[in-house]
């Protein structure tokens, strides 16, 4: 190639070029002549192997979300499979809310049972008996 002159290789987009199954190694022969008629013949080897490292075109947002969703479902199934081993509790948000509501309902019903009128009367009766015993214990003690 004459001094100061360059040439550029123009190739299709790397991933498309390789996807078509085209070879990655080429030998290019360039024949040219000068203004004075002097002939030049040069061969150059090109190895386009580096195109294999080029990045693929970006995915659309929908494709990325679909991939993430699939990976999440796979992970969820793996975690669900360990449920019988009591090592993880895997729940959907709806299952979580349902479980919490059941716990709240159980706690509220237990609190209502404690505060029920029968329970309060029984509890007050026990307190009266305890107070009576304390008073009687105080009366029966010898004075010193």
N, C-alpha and C. Protein backbone atom coordinates (compact mmCIF):
# COMPACT_ATOMS: atom_id res chain seq x y z
N UNK A 1 0.86 -1.16 0.00
CA UNK A 1 0.00 0.00 0.00
C UNK A 1 0.91 1.22 0.00
N UNK A 2 0.59 2.22 -0.78
CA UNK A 2 1.43 3.42 -0.81
C UNK A 2 1.48 4.09 0.55
N UNK A 3 2.56 4.72 0.81
CA UNK A 3 2.75 5.40 2.10
C UNK A 3 1.66 6.43 2.33
N UNK A 4 1.14 6.46 3.61
CA UNK A 4 0.14 7.45 3.96
C UNK A 4 -1.27 7.07 3.54
N UNK A 5 -1.44 5.99 2.82
CA UNK A 5 -2.78 5.55 2.38
C UNK A 5 -3.26 4.43 3.32
N UNK A 6 -4.52 4.42 3.58
CA UNK A 6 -5.12 3.37 4.41
C UNK A 6 -6.33 2.81 3.70
N UNK A 7 -6.70 1.68 4.09
CA UNK A 7 -7.96 1.12 3.59
C UNK A 7 -8.71 0.58 4.80
N UNK A 8 -9.98 0.53 4.65
CA UNK A 8 -10.82 0.06 5.74
C UNK A 8 -11.58 -1.16 5.27
N UNK A 9 -11.76 -2.05 6.22
CA UNK A 9 -12.58 -3.22 5.89
C UNK A 9 -14.01 -2.92 6.34
N UNK A 10 -14.90 -3.16 5.47
CA UNK A 10 -16.31 -2.93 5.79
C UNK A 10 -16.97 -4.30 5.85
N UNK A 11 -17.48 -4.58 7.03
CA UNK A 11 -18.11 -5.87 7.27
C UNK A 11 -19.50 -5.59 7.81
N UNK A 12 -20.36 -6.52 7.61
CA UNK A 12 -21.70 -6.43 8.19
C UNK A 12 -21.56 -6.41 9.72
N UNK A 13 -22.63 -6.17 10.41
CA UNK A 13 -22.61 -6.19 11.87
C UNK A 13 -22.09 -7.56 12.30
N UNK A 14 -21.14 -7.56 13.26
CA UNK A 14 -20.41 -8.76 13.64
C UNK A 14 -21.27 -9.98 13.91
N UNK A 15 -22.30 -9.83 14.77
CA UNK A 15 -23.10 -11.00 15.13
C UNK A 15 -23.90 -11.51 13.94
N UNK A 16 -24.31 -10.62 13.04
CA UNK A 16 -25.03 -11.06 11.84
C UNK A 16 -24.09 -11.77 10.88
N UNK A 17 -22.90 -11.21 10.77
CA UNK A 17 -21.90 -11.78 9.87
C UNK A 17 -21.59 -13.22 10.28
N UNK A 18 -21.38 -13.44 11.55
CA UNK A 18 -21.06 -14.78 12.03
C UNK A 18 -22.27 -15.70 12.01
N UNK A 19 -23.46 -15.16 12.23
CA UNK A 19 -24.67 -15.97 12.22
C UNK A 19 -24.93 -16.56 10.84
N UNK A 20 -24.49 -15.88 9.80
CA UNK A 20 -24.69 -16.37 8.43
C UNK A 20 -23.75 -17.54 8.11
N UNK A 21 -22.84 -17.86 9.01
CA UNK A 21 -21.92 -18.98 8.81
C UNK A 21 -20.77 -18.66 7.88
N UNK A 22 -20.48 -17.41 7.69
CA UNK A 22 -19.36 -17.02 6.82
C UNK A 22 -18.04 -17.32 7.51
N UNK A 23 -16.99 -17.58 6.76
CA UNK A 23 -15.69 -17.83 7.39
C UNK A 23 -15.16 -16.59 8.08
N UNK A 24 -14.26 -16.80 9.02
CA UNK A 24 -13.69 -15.67 9.75
C UNK A 24 -12.28 -15.32 9.27
N UNK A 25 -11.70 -16.16 8.42
CA UNK A 25 -10.34 -15.88 7.93
C UNK A 25 -10.39 -15.66 6.42
N UNK A 26 -9.74 -14.57 6.01
CA UNK A 26 -9.70 -14.20 4.59
C UNK A 26 -8.28 -13.79 4.21
N UNK A 27 -7.95 -14.07 2.96
CA UNK A 27 -6.71 -13.54 2.41
C UNK A 27 -7.13 -12.61 1.27
N UNK A 28 -6.74 -11.37 1.41
CA UNK A 28 -7.14 -10.37 0.43
C UNK A 28 -5.92 -9.97 -0.39
N UNK A 29 -6.12 -9.97 -1.69
CA UNK A 29 -5.03 -9.57 -2.60
C UNK A 29 -5.40 -8.23 -3.20
N UNK A 30 -4.46 -7.29 -3.09
CA UNK A 30 -4.69 -5.93 -3.61
C UNK A 30 -3.66 -5.68 -4.72
N UNK A 31 -4.17 -5.34 -5.88
CA UNK A 31 -3.29 -5.00 -7.01
C UNK A 31 -3.62 -3.57 -7.41
N UNK A 32 -2.61 -2.74 -7.51
CA UNK A 32 -2.82 -1.35 -7.91
C UNK A 32 -1.57 -0.85 -8.62
N UNK A 33 -1.72 0.30 -9.23
CA UNK A 33 -0.57 0.89 -9.94
C UNK A 33 -0.44 2.35 -9.55
N UNK A 34 0.80 2.83 -9.67
CA UNK A 34 1.07 4.23 -9.36
C UNK A 34 0.78 5.07 -10.60
N UNK A 35 0.88 6.37 -10.45
CA UNK A 35 0.64 7.30 -11.55
C UNK A 35 1.65 7.04 -12.68
N UNK A 36 2.82 6.64 -12.30
CA UNK A 36 3.87 6.40 -13.30
C UNK A 36 3.75 5.02 -13.95
N UNK A 37 2.76 4.22 -13.51
CA UNK A 37 2.55 2.92 -14.11
C UNK A 37 3.22 1.77 -13.37
N UNK A 38 3.85 2.06 -12.26
CA UNK A 38 4.49 0.99 -11.50
C UNK A 38 3.39 0.13 -10.85
N UNK A 39 3.48 -1.20 -10.97
CA UNK A 39 2.46 -2.13 -10.46
C UNK A 39 2.83 -2.60 -9.05
N UNK A 40 1.83 -2.75 -8.26
CA UNK A 40 2.01 -3.26 -6.90
C UNK A 40 1.03 -4.41 -6.69
N UNK A 41 1.47 -5.40 -5.98
CA UNK A 41 0.64 -6.57 -5.70
C UNK A 41 0.89 -6.97 -4.24
N UNK A 42 -0.09 -6.80 -3.41
CA UNK A 42 0.07 -7.11 -1.98
C UNK A 42 -1.02 -8.08 -1.54
N UNK A 43 -0.65 -8.96 -0.63
CA UNK A 43 -1.62 -9.89 -0.02
C UNK A 43 -1.66 -9.60 1.48
N UNK A 44 -2.82 -9.62 2.01
CA UNK A 44 -3.01 -9.38 3.43
C UNK A 44 -3.96 -10.42 3.99
N UNK A 45 -3.63 -10.98 5.15
CA UNK A 45 -4.51 -11.94 5.82
C UNK A 45 -5.36 -11.20 6.86
N UNK A 46 -6.62 -11.52 6.86
CA UNK A 46 -7.55 -10.94 7.84
C UNK A 46 -8.16 -12.06 8.66
N UNK A 47 -8.10 -11.91 9.93
CA UNK A 47 -8.73 -12.87 10.83
C UNK A 47 -9.84 -12.13 11.58
N UNK A 48 -11.05 -12.46 11.30
CA UNK A 48 -12.20 -11.78 11.91
C UNK A 48 -12.73 -12.53 13.14
N UNK A 49 -11.91 -13.35 13.71
CA UNK A 49 -12.28 -14.11 14.90
C UNK A 49 -12.72 -13.19 16.05
N UNK A 50 -12.15 -12.02 16.10
CA UNK A 50 -12.49 -11.07 17.17
C UNK A 50 -13.97 -10.69 17.16
N UNK A 51 -14.63 -10.86 16.04
CA UNK A 51 -16.05 -10.53 15.97
C UNK A 51 -16.89 -11.44 16.86
N UNK A 52 -16.37 -12.61 17.18
CA UNK A 52 -17.11 -13.53 18.05
C UNK A 52 -17.27 -12.94 19.44
N UNK A 53 -16.40 -12.03 19.81
CA UNK A 53 -16.48 -11.40 21.13
C UNK A 53 -17.40 -10.19 21.13
N UNK A 54 -17.86 -9.81 19.97
CA UNK A 54 -18.72 -8.63 19.92
C UNK A 54 -20.05 -8.94 20.59
N UNK A 55 -20.66 -7.93 21.11
CA UNK A 55 -21.91 -8.13 21.83
C UNK A 55 -23.07 -8.26 20.86
N UNK A 56 -24.03 -9.04 21.30
CA UNK A 56 -25.24 -9.18 20.52
C UNK A 56 -26.08 -7.92 20.69
N UNK A 57 -26.97 -7.68 19.78
CA UNK A 57 -27.82 -6.49 19.93
C UNK A 57 -28.66 -6.61 21.20
N UNK A 58 -28.95 -5.47 21.80
CA UNK A 58 -29.73 -5.46 23.03
C UNK A 58 -31.13 -5.98 22.83
N UNK A 59 -31.66 -6.56 23.88
CA UNK A 59 -33.03 -7.07 23.83
C UNK A 59 -34.00 -5.93 24.13
N UNK A 60 -35.21 -6.13 23.73
CA UNK A 60 -36.24 -5.14 24.06
C UNK A 60 -36.59 -5.28 25.54
N UNK A 61 -37.23 -4.29 26.08
CA UNK A 61 -37.64 -4.32 27.49
C UNK A 61 -38.55 -5.52 27.75
N UNK A 62 -39.44 -5.80 26.82
CA UNK A 62 -40.37 -6.92 26.98
C UNK A 62 -39.61 -8.24 27.03
N UNK A 63 -38.59 -8.39 26.17
CA UNK A 63 -37.80 -9.61 26.17
C UNK A 63 -37.03 -9.77 27.48
N UNK A 64 -36.46 -8.67 27.97
CA UNK A 64 -35.74 -8.73 29.24
C UNK A 64 -36.67 -9.08 30.39
N UNK A 65 -37.85 -8.47 30.42
CA UNK A 65 -38.82 -8.77 31.48
C UNK A 65 -39.30 -10.22 31.40
N UNK A 66 -39.46 -10.71 30.20
CA UNK A 66 -39.87 -12.11 30.02
C UNK A 66 -38.79 -13.05 30.56
N UNK A 67 -37.53 -12.75 30.26
CA UNK A 67 -36.42 -13.56 30.77
C UNK A 67 -36.37 -13.53 32.29
N UNK A 68 -36.51 -12.34 32.86
CA UNK A 68 -36.48 -12.19 34.32
C UNK A 68 -37.64 -12.95 34.95
N UNK A 69 -38.81 -12.85 34.35
CA UNK A 69 -39.99 -13.53 34.87
C UNK A 69 -39.78 -15.04 34.86
N UNK A 70 -39.22 -15.57 33.79
CA UNK A 70 -38.97 -17.01 33.70
C UNK A 70 -37.96 -17.44 34.76
N UNK A 71 -36.90 -16.67 34.92
CA UNK A 71 -35.89 -17.02 35.93
C UNK A 71 -36.49 -16.96 37.33
N UNK A 72 -37.35 -15.97 37.57
CA UNK A 72 -37.99 -15.85 38.88
C UNK A 72 -38.90 -17.04 39.14
N UNK A 73 -39.67 -17.45 38.13
CA UNK A 73 -40.56 -18.61 38.29
C UNK A 73 -39.75 -19.87 38.58
N UNK A 74 -38.64 -20.04 37.86
CA UNK A 74 -37.78 -21.20 38.10
C UNK A 74 -37.23 -21.20 39.52
N UNK A 75 -36.77 -20.05 39.98
CA UNK A 75 -36.23 -19.93 41.34
C UNK A 75 -37.32 -20.19 42.37
N UNK A 76 -38.51 -19.67 42.13
CA UNK A 76 -39.62 -19.89 43.05
C UNK A 76 -39.95 -21.38 43.15
N UNK A 77 -39.94 -22.08 42.03
CA UNK A 77 -40.22 -23.52 42.05
C UNK A 77 -39.14 -24.28 42.82
N UNK A 78 -37.90 -23.88 42.67
CA UNK A 78 -36.82 -24.52 43.42
C UNK A 78 -37.04 -24.32 44.91
N UNK A 79 -37.34 -23.09 45.30
CA UNK A 79 -37.57 -22.81 46.72
C UNK A 79 -38.81 -23.51 47.24
N UNK A 80 -39.86 -23.58 46.43
CA UNK A 80 -41.08 -24.29 46.85
C UNK A 80 -40.79 -25.77 47.09
N UNK A 81 -39.90 -26.34 46.31
CA UNK A 81 -39.60 -27.76 46.45
C UNK A 81 -38.94 -28.06 47.80
N UNK A 82 -38.40 -27.06 48.47
CA UNK A 82 -37.78 -27.27 49.78
C UNK A 82 -38.77 -27.05 50.91
N UNK A 83 -39.99 -26.70 50.60
CA UNK A 83 -40.98 -26.38 51.63
C UNK A 83 -41.16 -27.53 52.62
N UNK A 84 -41.19 -28.76 52.15
CA UNK A 84 -41.39 -29.91 53.03
C UNK A 84 -40.24 -30.12 53.99
N UNK A 85 -39.12 -29.52 53.72
CA UNK A 85 -37.95 -29.68 54.58
C UNK A 85 -37.92 -28.64 55.69
N UNK A 86 -38.93 -27.79 55.75
CA UNK A 86 -39.02 -26.71 56.75
C UNK A 86 -37.81 -25.80 56.74
N UNK A 87 -37.24 -25.62 55.57
CA UNK A 87 -36.07 -24.75 55.50
C UNK A 87 -36.42 -23.37 54.97
N UNK A 88 -37.47 -23.26 54.17
CA UNK A 88 -37.89 -21.98 53.63
C UNK A 88 -39.40 -21.90 53.66
N UNK A 89 -39.89 -20.70 53.77
CA UNK A 89 -41.31 -20.47 53.60
C UNK A 89 -41.44 -19.58 52.38
N UNK A 90 -41.93 -20.16 51.31
CA UNK A 90 -42.06 -19.43 50.05
C UNK A 90 -43.53 -19.13 49.85
N UNK A 91 -43.84 -17.85 49.73
CA UNK A 91 -45.23 -17.43 49.59
C UNK A 91 -45.34 -16.36 48.52
N UNK A 92 -46.46 -16.34 47.89
CA UNK A 92 -46.78 -15.21 47.04
C UNK A 92 -47.25 -14.09 47.95
N UNK A 93 -47.31 -12.87 47.47
CA UNK A 93 -47.83 -11.79 48.33
C UNK A 93 -49.24 -12.09 48.86
N UNK A 94 -50.07 -12.73 48.06
CA UNK A 94 -51.43 -13.05 48.50
C UNK A 94 -51.39 -14.09 49.62
N UNK A 95 -50.54 -15.12 49.47
CA UNK A 95 -50.39 -16.12 50.52
C UNK A 95 -49.87 -15.49 51.81
N UNK A 96 -48.94 -14.56 51.68
CA UNK A 96 -48.38 -13.87 52.84
C UNK A 96 -49.49 -13.10 53.58
N UNK A 97 -50.28 -12.33 52.84
CA UNK A 97 -51.37 -11.56 53.46
C UNK A 97 -52.39 -12.49 54.12
N UNK A 98 -52.70 -13.60 53.46
CA UNK A 98 -53.67 -14.56 54.01
C UNK A 98 -53.14 -15.14 55.32
N UNK A 99 -51.86 -15.52 55.33
CA UNK A 99 -51.26 -16.07 56.55
C UNK A 99 -51.26 -15.04 57.67
N UNK A 100 -50.90 -13.79 57.36
CA UNK A 100 -50.90 -12.74 58.39
C UNK A 100 -52.31 -12.49 58.92
N UNK A 101 -53.29 -12.49 58.02
CA UNK A 101 -54.66 -12.26 58.45
C UNK A 101 -55.13 -13.38 59.36
N UNK A 102 -54.76 -14.62 59.05
CA UNK A 102 -55.14 -15.75 59.89
C UNK A 102 -54.50 -15.61 61.28
N UNK A 103 -53.25 -15.17 61.31
CA UNK A 103 -52.58 -14.96 62.60
C UNK A 103 -53.26 -13.85 63.39
N UNK A 104 -53.64 -12.77 62.71
CA UNK A 104 -54.34 -11.67 63.39
C UNK A 104 -55.68 -12.14 63.94
N UNK A 105 -56.43 -12.91 63.12
CA UNK A 105 -57.73 -13.40 63.55
C UNK A 105 -57.59 -14.31 64.77
N UNK A 106 -56.57 -15.16 64.74
CA UNK A 106 -56.33 -16.07 65.87
C UNK A 106 -55.99 -15.28 67.13
N UNK A 107 -55.14 -14.27 66.98
CA UNK A 107 -54.76 -13.44 68.13
C UNK A 107 -55.98 -12.68 68.67
N UNK A 108 -56.79 -12.13 67.76
CA UNK A 108 -57.97 -11.38 68.19
C UNK A 108 -58.99 -12.28 68.89
N UNK A 109 -59.18 -13.50 68.38
CA UNK A 109 -60.14 -14.39 69.03
C UNK A 109 -59.63 -14.82 70.40
N UNK A 110 -58.32 -15.01 70.53
CA UNK A 110 -57.74 -15.35 71.84
C UNK A 110 -57.91 -14.17 72.81
N UNK A 111 -57.72 -12.95 72.31
CA UNK A 111 -57.88 -11.77 73.16
C UNK A 111 -59.34 -11.61 73.57
N UNK A 112 -60.28 -11.89 72.68
CA UNK A 112 -61.70 -11.79 73.01
C UNK A 112 -62.08 -12.83 74.05
N UNK A 113 -61.49 -14.02 73.95
CA UNK A 113 -61.76 -15.07 74.92
C UNK A 113 -61.28 -14.65 76.30
N UNK A 114 -60.12 -14.02 76.36
CA UNK A 114 -59.58 -13.55 77.65
C UNK A 114 -60.46 -12.45 78.23
N UNK A 115 -60.96 -11.57 77.36
CA UNK A 115 -61.77 -10.44 77.81
C UNK A 115 -63.25 -10.77 77.90
N UNK A 116 -63.65 -12.01 77.69
CA UNK A 116 -65.08 -12.34 77.73
C UNK A 116 -65.60 -12.14 79.15
N UNK A 117 -66.91 -11.81 79.31
CA UNK A 117 -67.46 -11.55 80.65
C UNK A 117 -67.28 -12.72 81.61
N UNK A 118 -67.43 -13.95 81.14
CA UNK A 118 -67.26 -15.11 82.03
C UNK A 118 -65.83 -15.17 82.54
N UNK A 119 -64.90 -14.97 81.63
CA UNK A 119 -63.48 -15.04 81.99
C UNK A 119 -63.13 -13.92 82.98
N UNK A 120 -63.68 -12.71 82.74
CA UNK A 120 -63.42 -11.59 83.63
C UNK A 120 -63.98 -11.87 85.01
N UNK A 121 -65.24 -12.39 85.09
CA UNK A 121 -65.84 -12.71 86.38
C UNK A 121 -65.03 -13.77 87.11
N UNK A 122 -64.64 -14.80 86.36
CA UNK A 122 -63.86 -15.87 86.96
C UNK A 122 -62.53 -15.30 87.47
N UNK A 123 -61.90 -14.46 86.66
CA UNK A 123 -60.62 -13.87 87.03
C UNK A 123 -60.78 -12.97 88.26
N UNK A 124 -61.87 -12.17 88.29
CA UNK A 124 -62.13 -11.30 89.45
C UNK A 124 -62.37 -12.14 90.70
N UNK A 125 -63.09 -13.25 90.52
CA UNK A 125 -63.35 -14.15 91.65
C UNK A 125 -62.05 -14.70 92.20
N UNK A 126 -61.13 -15.07 91.34
CA UNK A 126 -59.84 -15.57 91.80
C UNK A 126 -59.08 -14.49 92.56
N UNK A 127 -59.17 -13.26 92.09
CA UNK A 127 -58.50 -12.15 92.78
C UNK A 127 -59.09 -11.94 94.16
N UNK A 128 -60.43 -12.03 94.29
CA UNK A 128 -61.07 -11.85 95.59
C UNK A 128 -60.62 -12.93 96.57
N UNK A 129 -60.52 -14.19 96.05
CA UNK A 129 -60.07 -15.27 96.91
C UNK A 129 -58.64 -15.04 97.38
N UNK A 130 -57.79 -14.54 96.48
CA UNK A 130 -56.40 -14.28 96.84
C UNK A 130 -56.34 -13.18 97.89
N UNK A 131 -57.15 -12.11 97.74
CA UNK A 131 -57.18 -11.02 98.71
C UNK A 131 -57.67 -11.51 100.07
N UNK A 132 -58.70 -12.37 100.07
CA UNK A 132 -59.23 -12.90 101.33
C UNK A 132 -58.16 -13.70 102.06
N UNK A 133 -57.40 -14.50 101.28
CA UNK A 133 -56.36 -15.32 101.90
C UNK A 133 -55.29 -14.42 102.51
N UNK A 134 -54.93 -13.34 101.82
CA UNK A 134 -53.92 -12.42 102.34
C UNK A 134 -54.41 -11.79 103.64
N UNK A 135 -55.69 -11.37 103.65
CA UNK A 135 -56.23 -10.75 104.86
C UNK A 135 -56.26 -11.74 106.01
N UNK A 136 -56.70 -12.96 105.69
CA UNK A 136 -56.79 -13.95 106.77
C UNK A 136 -55.41 -14.35 107.26
N UNK A 137 -54.43 -14.37 106.38
CA UNK A 137 -53.06 -14.67 106.79
C UNK A 137 -52.53 -13.59 107.71
N UNK A 138 -52.90 -12.37 107.47
CA UNK A 138 -52.44 -11.27 108.29
C UNK A 138 -53.06 -11.29 109.66
N UNK A 139 -54.32 -11.74 109.80
CA UNK A 139 -55.04 -11.79 111.08
C UNK A 139 -54.55 -12.94 111.95
N UNK A 140 -54.21 -14.03 111.30
CA UNK A 140 -53.89 -15.23 112.08
C UNK A 140 -52.44 -15.25 112.53
N UNK A 141 -51.66 -14.28 112.14
CA UNK A 141 -50.26 -14.29 112.55
C UNK A 141 -50.15 -13.78 113.98
N UNK A 142 -49.32 -14.46 114.77
CA UNK A 142 -49.16 -13.99 116.17
C UNK A 142 -48.44 -12.66 116.22
N UNK A 143 -48.82 -11.87 117.19
CA UNK A 143 -48.16 -10.57 117.31
C UNK A 143 -46.87 -10.72 118.09
N UNK A 144 -45.92 -9.94 117.75
CA UNK A 144 -44.64 -10.04 118.41
C UNK A 144 -44.36 -8.82 119.23
